Every structure is written in structure tokens, then in C-alpha cells.
C-alpha atoms as a PDB file:
ATOM      1  CA  MET A   1      57.209  82.133 109.601  1.00  0.00           C
ATOM      2  CA  GLY A   2      60.829  82.865 110.381  1.00  0.00           C
ATOM      3  CA  PRO A   3      62.948  86.190 111.333  1.00  0.00           C
ATOM      4  CA  ILE A   4      61.041  87.882 108.347  1.00  0.00           C
ATOM      5  CA  GLY A   5      57.720  88.502 108.236  1.00  0.00           C
ATOM      6  CA  ILE A   6      55.241  88.614 105.441  1.00  0.00           C
ATOM      7  CA  PHE A   7      56.059  92.037 104.020  1.00  0.00           C
ATOM      8  CA  GLY A   8      59.795  91.502 104.396  1.00  0.00           C
ATOM      9  CA  ARG A   9      60.072  93.447 107.436  1.00  0.00           C
ATOM     10  CA  LEU A  10      62.247  92.281 110.710  1.00  0.00           C
ATOM     11  CA  THR A  11      60.303  90.469 113.524  1.00  0.00           C
ATOM     12  CA  GLN A  12      61.689  90.774 116.822  1.00  0.00           C
ATOM     13  CA  ASP A  13      63.012  87.503 116.957  1.00  0.00           C
ATOM     14  CA  MET A  14      65.660  88.182 114.492  1.00  0.00           C
ATOM     15  CA  THR A  15      69.483  88.675 115.421  1.00  0.00           C
ATOM     16  CA  VAL A  16      70.764  91.582 114.537  1.00  0.00           C
ATOM     17  CA  THR A  17      74.273  92.231 113.688  1.00  0.00           C
ATOM     18  CA  ASP A  18      76.755  93.865 116.234  1.00  0.00           C
ATOM     19  CA  ARG A  19      78.575  95.249 113.693  1.00  0.00           C
ATOM     20  CA  PRO A  20      78.466  99.149 113.298  1.00  0.00           C
ATOM     21  CA  ARG A  21      76.078 101.107 111.072  1.00  0.00           C
ATOM     22  CA  ASP A  22      76.243 104.515 109.575  1.00  0.00           C
ATOM     23  CA  ASP A  23      73.227 106.993 109.898  1.00  0.00           C
ATOM     24  CA  HIS A  24      71.734 105.525 106.933  1.00  0.00           C
ATOM     25  CA  GLY A  25      71.834 101.654 108.579  1.00  0.00           C
ATOM     26  CA  ARG A  26      74.996 100.586 106.211  1.00  0.00           C
ATOM     27  CA  LEU A  27      77.478  98.103 107.937  1.00  0.00           C
ATOM     28  CA  THR A  28      80.880 100.170 108.661  1.00  0.00           C
ATOM     29  CA  GLY A  29      83.971  99.323 109.659  1.00  0.00           C
ATOM     30  CA  ASN A  30      85.975  96.116 108.195  1.00  0.00           C
ATOM     31  CA  ALA A  31      85.173  92.364 108.912  1.00  0.00           C
ATOM     32  CA  TYR A  32      88.551  91.400 107.502  1.00  0.00           C
ATOM     33  CA  SER A  33      92.127  92.260 108.319  1.00  0.00           C
ATOM     34  CA  ASP A  34      94.410  93.691 105.464  1.00  0.00           C
ATOM     35  CA  ALA A  35      96.237  90.290 107.417  1.00  0.00           C
ATOM     36  CA  ASP A  36      93.782  88.140 106.301  1.00  0.00           C
ATOM     37  CA  PHE A  37      94.013  89.296 102.810  1.00  0.00           C
ATOM     38  CA  LEU A  38      97.984  89.272 103.102  1.00  0.00           C
ATOM     39  CA  GLU A  39      98.004  85.620 104.630  1.00  0.00           C
ATOM     40  CA  ALA A  40      95.463  84.366 101.787  1.00  0.00           C
ATOM     41  CA  ILE A  41      97.913  85.404  99.217  1.00  0.00           C
ATOM     42  CA  ALA A  42     101.088  84.394 100.864  1.00  0.00           C
ATOM     43  CA  ASP A  43      99.604  80.627 101.241  1.00  0.00           C
ATOM     44  CA  GLN A  44      98.841  80.005  97.775  1.00  0.00           C
ATOM     45  CA  ASP A  45     100.679  79.706  94.705  1.00  0.00           C
ATOM     46  CA  MET A  46      99.421  82.096  92.176  1.00  0.00           C
ATOM     47  CA  PRO A  47      96.088  82.910  93.938  1.00  0.00           C
ATOM     48  CA  THR A  48      93.556  84.716  91.556  1.00  0.00           C
ATOM     49  CA  THR A  49      90.580  87.266  93.172  1.00  0.00           C
ATOM     50  CA  GLY A  50      88.265  84.628  93.811  1.00  0.00           C
ATOM     51  CA  ASP A  51      91.225  82.375  95.369  1.00  0.00           C
ATOM     52  CA  VAL A  52      91.535  85.469  98.033  1.00  0.00           C
ATOM     53  CA  ALA A  53      88.014  85.641  98.539  1.00  0.00           C
ATOM     54  CA  ARG A  54      87.267  82.016  99.590  1.00  0.00           C
ATOM     55  CA  ALA A  55      90.291  81.758 101.670  1.00  0.00           C
ATOM     56  CA  VAL A  56      89.262  85.046 103.451  1.00  0.00           C
ATOM     57  CA  GLY A  57      85.772  83.913 103.609  1.00  0.00           C
ATOM     58  CA  CYS A  58      84.295  87.042 101.731  1.00  0.00           C
ATOM     59  CA  ALA A  59      82.353  87.912  98.322  1.00  0.00           C
ATOM     60  CA  ARG A  60      84.594  88.202  95.265  1.00  0.00           C
ATOM     61  CA  THR A  61      83.655  92.026  95.031  1.00  0.00           C
ATOM     62  CA  THR A  62      84.603  92.879  98.788  1.00  0.00           C
ATOM     63  CA  ALA A  63      88.158  91.030  97.973  1.00  0.00           C
ATOM     64  CA  TYR A  64      88.645  92.616  94.839  1.00  0.00           C
ATOM     65  CA  GLY A  65      88.378  96.325  96.557  1.00  0.00           C
ATOM     66  CA  ARG A  66      90.322  95.226  99.397  1.00  0.00           C
ATOM     67  CA  LEU A  67      92.990  94.036  96.987  1.00  0.00           C
ATOM     68  CA  LYS A  68      93.160  96.997  94.634  1.00  0.00           C
ATOM     69  CA  ARG A  69      93.432  99.019  98.142  1.00  0.00           C
ATOM     70  CA  LEU A  70      96.396  96.983  99.133  1.00  0.00           C
ATOM     71  CA  GLU A  71      97.632  97.167  95.743  1.00  0.00           C
ATOM     72  CA  GLU A  72      97.161 101.238  95.487  1.00  0.00           C
ATOM     73  CA  SER A  73      99.176 101.441  98.808  1.00  0.00           C
ATOM     74  CA  GLY A  74     102.132  99.191  97.442  1.00  0.00           C
ATOM     75  CA  THR A  75     101.674  96.253  99.724  1.00  0.00           C
ATOM     76  CA  VAL A  76     100.631  93.454  96.763  1.00  0.00           C
ATOM     77  CA  GLU A  77     101.076  93.979  93.028  1.00  0.00           C
ATOM     78  CA  SER A  78      98.529  92.102  90.264  1.00  0.00           C
ATOM     79  CA  ARG A  79      99.483  90.708  86.908  1.00  0.00           C
ATOM     80  CA  ASP A  80      96.703  89.482  84.507  1.00  0.00           C
ATOM     81  CA  VAL A  81      96.816  85.957  84.002  1.00  0.00           C
ATOM     82  CA  GLY A  82      94.659  84.688  80.940  1.00  0.00           C
ATOM     83  CA  SER A  83      91.391  86.077  82.321  1.00  0.00           C
ATOM     84  CA  ALA A  84      92.289  86.679  86.250  1.00  0.00           C
ATOM     85  CA  LEU A  85      94.270  88.555  88.089  1.00  0.00           C
ATOM     86  CA  VAL A  86      97.003  87.012  90.265  1.00  0.00           C
ATOM     87  CA  TRP A  87      97.973  88.768  93.267  1.00  0.00           C
ATOM     88  CA  THR A  88     101.356  88.817  95.181  1.00  0.00           C
ATOM     89  CA  VAL A  89     102.630  90.261  98.061  1.00  0.00           C
ATOM     90  CA  VAL A  90     105.511  93.242  97.878  1.00  0.00           C
ATOM     91  CA  ASP A  91     108.740  92.190  99.427  1.00  0.00           C
END
């Protein structure tokens, strides 16, 4: 049957992530460092949010949220290029 039983419940042979969870079972902490995102931006020419997400290995929504936080802190900047946001590291 595999790790998920017929009712969608976890079975004993399912591996549970070692990442910490809050009282509601939601994952906490960051799986990716700010440095991962900054490196992904620096290593590419005109990287979009999707490009950064692929380079880091996370979902696009995860990348967008982190990049917006980095932008609010003044670490990166974005600009609209067509229908995409392009990211640069602030010097």
C-alpha cells in the first residue's frame, strides 16, 4: 500500500521530516538561507522569481516571499520586465 493508508493517514513506515513543527503541525524555520537566494541572484543574468526558485530548489511562492522580505530589508531590488519581476542584489 505504501506510506499513506487507504484513509490518507500516515502509516508507521512513513518517514517524518526532522524539521521542527509548531503546535499546529506546521513546519517552522527556514529550509533555505538568505545566502542561497542571494547566490542564486548573483549567479544569473536578470533572474526572475522562477529562475531563483529553480536555482534554490524551492517553490516559486516560497522564493517570492523570501525575495520580498529581502527587498523590504534593502538587500535586493526588483523591477518589472514585461510580466516578470527581475531581481538584483543591492551593492
